[in-house]
């Protein structure tokens, strides 16, 4: 079982936030409307056992500097480095550059285009 099964990243400007994460991680987010009117940009995930999540714009979700921190899978060492190199051009900031966490791989922390603090992670050996 995964420790996390869903996450939401609040967005003030939904389209800007979706573009930010698509470019940062090299993935396409599926645009959906949950509850009829709240836009969601759903990250790719595998089946019912995968961890899912979305960029959301909803009255209950407020973007902010010191909210919950989640770690997104950067997929490879090259992709992590590429993501960190483009954060500022995408409207974000690198808060903590790539750092080894020993046998668990590497992490970095960024501030996204909406002001959220988000972690990026790759397992060791990728």
C-alpha atoms as a PDB file:
ATOM      1  CA  UNK A   1       0.000   0.000   0.000  1.00  0.00           C
ATOM      2  CA  UNK A   2       1.221   3.521  -0.794  1.00  0.00           C
ATOM      3  CA  UNK A   3       1.687   6.020   2.029  1.00  0.00           C
ATOM      4  CA  UNK A   4      -0.048   8.592  -0.160  1.00  0.00           C
ATOM      5  CA  UNK A   5      -3.028   7.826  -2.403  1.00  0.00           C
ATOM      6  CA  UNK A   6      -4.034  11.315  -3.592  1.00  0.00           C
ATOM      7  CA  UNK A   7      -2.684  14.831  -3.390  1.00  0.00           C
ATOM      8  CA  UNK A   8      -3.900  18.235  -4.467  1.00  0.00           C
ATOM      9  CA  UNK A   9      -1.737  21.210  -5.350  1.00  0.00           C
ATOM     10  CA  UNK A  10      -3.764  24.434  -5.054  1.00  0.00           C
ATOM     11  CA  UNK A  11      -3.615  26.915  -7.921  1.00  0.00           C
ATOM     12  CA  UNK A  12      -4.598  30.545  -8.136  1.00  0.00           C
ATOM     13  CA  UNK A  13      -4.091  30.562 -11.928  1.00  0.00           C
ATOM     14  CA  UNK A  14      -5.064  27.037 -13.032  1.00  0.00           C
ATOM     15  CA  UNK A  15      -3.723  27.184 -16.600  1.00  0.00           C
ATOM     16  CA  UNK A  16      -0.394  28.651 -15.493  1.00  0.00           C
ATOM     17  CA  UNK A  17       0.008  25.961 -12.796  1.00  0.00           C
ATOM     18  CA  UNK A  18      -0.822  23.114 -15.213  1.00  0.00           C
ATOM     19  CA  UNK A  19       1.704  24.456 -17.749  1.00  0.00           C
ATOM     20  CA  UNK A  20       4.284  24.735 -14.960  1.00  0.00           C
ATOM     21  CA  UNK A  21       3.998  21.067 -13.944  1.00  0.00           C
ATOM     22  CA  UNK A  22       3.713  19.742 -17.494  1.00  0.00           C
ATOM     23  CA  UNK A  23       6.930  21.514 -18.488  1.00  0.00           C
ATOM     24  CA  UNK A  24       8.709  20.806 -15.198  1.00  0.00           C
ATOM     25  CA  UNK A  25       8.077  17.044 -15.202  1.00  0.00           C
ATOM     26  CA  UNK A  26       7.683  16.386 -18.937  1.00  0.00           C
ATOM     27  CA  UNK A  27       4.196  14.918 -18.516  1.00  0.00           C
ATOM     28  CA  UNK A  28       0.702  15.788 -19.704  1.00  0.00           C
ATOM     29  CA  UNK A  29      -1.933  16.480 -17.057  1.00  0.00           C
ATOM     30  CA  UNK A  30      -5.467  15.361 -17.847  1.00  0.00           C
ATOM     31  CA  UNK A  31      -7.838  18.305 -17.511  1.00  0.00           C
ATOM     32  CA  UNK A  32     -11.077  17.347 -15.760  1.00  0.00           C
ATOM     33  CA  UNK A  33     -13.829  18.999 -13.776  1.00  0.00           C
ATOM     34  CA  UNK A  34     -14.666  17.401 -10.432  1.00  0.00           C
ATOM     35  CA  UNK A  35     -17.912  18.410  -8.797  1.00  0.00           C
ATOM     36  CA  UNK A  36     -19.018  19.991 -12.056  1.00  0.00           C
ATOM     37  CA  UNK A  37     -17.109  23.257 -11.896  1.00  0.00           C
ATOM     38  CA  UNK A  38     -13.717  22.922 -10.176  1.00  0.00           C
ATOM     39  CA  UNK A  39     -10.898  22.377 -12.711  1.00  0.00           C
ATOM     40  CA  UNK A  40      -8.365  19.632 -12.004  1.00  0.00           C
ATOM     41  CA  UNK A  41      -5.155  18.834 -13.871  1.00  0.00           C
ATOM     42  CA  UNK A  42      -4.643  15.169 -12.994  1.00  0.00           C
ATOM     43  CA  UNK A  43      -1.098  13.797 -12.971  1.00  0.00           C
ATOM     44  CA  UNK A  44      -0.559  10.474 -14.763  1.00  0.00           C
ATOM     45  CA  UNK A  45      -0.746   7.445 -12.480  1.00  0.00           C
ATOM     46  CA  UNK A  46      -1.180   3.710 -12.846  1.00  0.00           C
ATOM     47  CA  UNK A  47      -4.429   1.973 -11.967  1.00  0.00           C
ATOM     48  CA  UNK A  48      -6.055   1.747  -8.584  1.00  0.00           C
ATOM     49  CA  UNK A  49      -2.799   1.012  -6.769  1.00  0.00           C
ATOM     50  CA  UNK A  50      -0.988   4.085  -8.098  1.00  0.00           C
ATOM     51  CA  UNK A  51      -0.727   7.378  -6.274  1.00  0.00           C
ATOM     52  CA  UNK A  52      -2.880   9.989  -7.947  1.00  0.00           C
ATOM     53  CA  UNK A  53      -3.107  13.713  -7.587  1.00  0.00           C
ATOM     54  CA  UNK A  54      -4.019  16.930  -9.292  1.00  0.00           C
ATOM     55  CA  UNK A  55      -3.478  20.638  -9.610  1.00  0.00           C
ATOM     56  CA  UNK A  56      -6.791  22.078  -8.391  1.00  0.00           C
ATOM     57  CA  UNK A  57      -8.569  25.384  -8.392  1.00  0.00           C
ATOM     58  CA  UNK A  58     -11.354  25.204  -5.836  1.00  0.00           C
ATOM     59  CA  UNK A  59     -12.753  27.352  -3.021  1.00  0.00           C
ATOM     60  CA  UNK A  60     -11.380  24.976  -0.365  1.00  0.00           C
ATOM     61  CA  UNK A  61      -7.820  24.867  -1.795  1.00  0.00           C
ATOM     62  CA  UNK A  62      -5.569  27.861  -1.188  1.00  0.00           C
ATOM     63  CA  UNK A  63      -2.076  28.146  -2.653  1.00  0.00           C
ATOM     64  CA  UNK A  64       0.542  29.143  -0.126  1.00  0.00           C
ATOM     65  CA  UNK A  65       4.164  29.181   0.922  1.00  0.00           C
ATOM     66  CA  UNK A  66       4.114  26.891   3.930  1.00  0.00           C
ATOM     67  CA  UNK A  67       1.383  24.339   3.268  1.00  0.00           C
ATOM     68  CA  UNK A  68       1.706  20.593   2.943  1.00  0.00           C
ATOM     69  CA  UNK A  69       4.812  19.422   1.132  1.00  0.00           C
ATOM     70  CA  UNK A  70       4.532  16.523  -1.263  1.00  0.00           C
ATOM     71  CA  UNK A  71       7.322  14.870  -3.207  1.00  0.00           C
ATOM     72  CA  UNK A  72       6.732  14.283  -6.901  1.00  0.00           C
ATOM     73  CA  UNK A  73       8.604  11.573  -8.771  1.00  0.00           C
ATOM     74  CA  UNK A  74      11.113  13.275 -11.064  1.00  0.00           C
ATOM     75  CA  UNK A  75      11.672   9.835 -12.720  1.00  0.00           C
ATOM     76  CA  UNK A  76      15.411  10.076 -13.440  1.00  0.00           C
ATOM     77  CA  UNK A  77      18.583  11.870 -12.474  1.00  0.00           C
ATOM     78  CA  UNK A  78      18.628  13.737 -15.804  1.00  0.00           C
ATOM     79  CA  UNK A  79      14.970  14.768 -15.422  1.00  0.00           C
ATOM     80  CA  UNK A  80      15.566  16.074 -11.889  1.00  0.00           C
ATOM     81  CA  UNK A  81      18.496  18.179 -13.093  1.00  0.00           C
ATOM     82  CA  UNK A  82      16.488  19.423 -16.073  1.00  0.00           C
ATOM     83  CA  UNK A  83      13.530  20.309 -13.857  1.00  0.00           C
ATOM     84  CA  UNK A  84      15.702  22.276 -11.447  1.00  0.00           C
ATOM     85  CA  UNK A  85      17.367  24.123 -14.340  1.00  0.00           C
ATOM     86  CA  UNK A  86      14.020  25.367 -15.666  1.00  0.00           C
ATOM     87  CA  UNK A  87      12.115  26.164 -12.441  1.00  0.00           C
ATOM     88  CA  UNK A  88      12.880  29.900 -12.501  1.00  0.00           C
ATOM     89  CA  UNK A  89      12.034  30.290 -16.199  1.00  0.00           C
ATOM     90  CA  UNK A  90       8.677  28.626 -15.457  1.00  0.00           C
ATOM     91  CA  UNK A  91       7.878  31.155 -12.728  1.00  0.00           C
ATOM     92  CA  UNK A  92       9.051  29.193  -9.683  1.00  0.00           C
ATOM     93  CA  UNK A  93      12.123  29.126  -7.449  1.00  0.00           C
ATOM     94  CA  UNK A  94      14.556  26.484  -6.228  1.00  0.00           C
ATOM     95  CA  UNK A  95      14.385  26.456  -2.419  1.00  0.00           C
ATOM     96  CA  UNK A  96      16.735  23.515  -1.823  1.00  0.00           C
ATOM     97  CA  UNK A  97      18.956  22.211  -4.622  1.00  0.00           C
ATOM     98  CA  UNK A  98      19.460  18.504  -5.271  1.00  0.00           C
ATOM     99  CA  UNK A  99      20.497  16.766  -2.063  1.00  0.00           C
ATOM    100  CA  UNK A 100      21.409  13.150  -1.371  1.00  0.00           C
ATOM    101  CA  UNK A 101      19.230  11.272   1.084  1.00  0.00           C
ATOM    102  CA  UNK A 102      21.580   8.290   1.075  1.00  0.00           C
ATOM    103  CA  UNK A 103      20.084   4.951   0.045  1.00  0.00           C
ATOM    104  CA  UNK A 104      16.727   6.633  -0.615  1.00  0.00           C
ATOM    105  CA  UNK A 105      17.999   8.698  -3.544  1.00  0.00           C
ATOM    106  CA  UNK A 106      17.877  12.446  -4.013  1.00  0.00           C
ATOM    107  CA  UNK A 107      15.449  15.253  -3.236  1.00  0.00           C
ATOM    108  CA  UNK A 108      15.092  18.927  -4.049  1.00  0.00           C
ATOM    109  CA  UNK A 109      12.511  21.483  -2.981  1.00  0.00           C
ATOM    110  CA  UNK A 110      10.988  24.164  -5.182  1.00  0.00           C
ATOM    111  CA  UNK A 111       8.392  26.909  -4.962  1.00  0.00           C
ATOM    112  CA  UNK A 112       5.941  26.454  -7.849  1.00  0.00           C
ATOM    113  CA  UNK A 113       4.256  29.121  -9.982  1.00  0.00           C
ATOM    114  CA  UNK A 114       1.428  29.381  -7.413  1.00  0.00           C
ATOM    115  CA  UNK A 115       3.625  29.830  -4.342  1.00  0.00           C
ATOM    116  CA  UNK A 116       3.391  26.217  -3.106  1.00  0.00           C
ATOM    117  CA  UNK A 117       6.411  24.418  -1.701  1.00  0.00           C
ATOM    118  CA  UNK A 118       6.855  21.108  -3.550  1.00  0.00           C
ATOM    119  CA  UNK A 119       9.500  18.396  -3.319  1.00  0.00           C
ATOM    120  CA  UNK A 120      11.009  16.464  -6.202  1.00  0.00           C
ATOM    121  CA  UNK A 121      12.399  12.966  -5.569  1.00  0.00           C
ATOM    122  CA  UNK A 122      14.276  10.255  -7.414  1.00  0.00           C
ATOM    123  CA  UNK A 123      15.153   6.867  -5.903  1.00  0.00           C
ATOM    124  CA  UNK A 124      18.776   5.797  -5.715  1.00  0.00           C
ATOM    125  CA  UNK A 125      20.118   4.256  -8.906  1.00  0.00           C
ATOM    126  CA  UNK A 126      17.873   6.072 -11.391  1.00  0.00           C
END
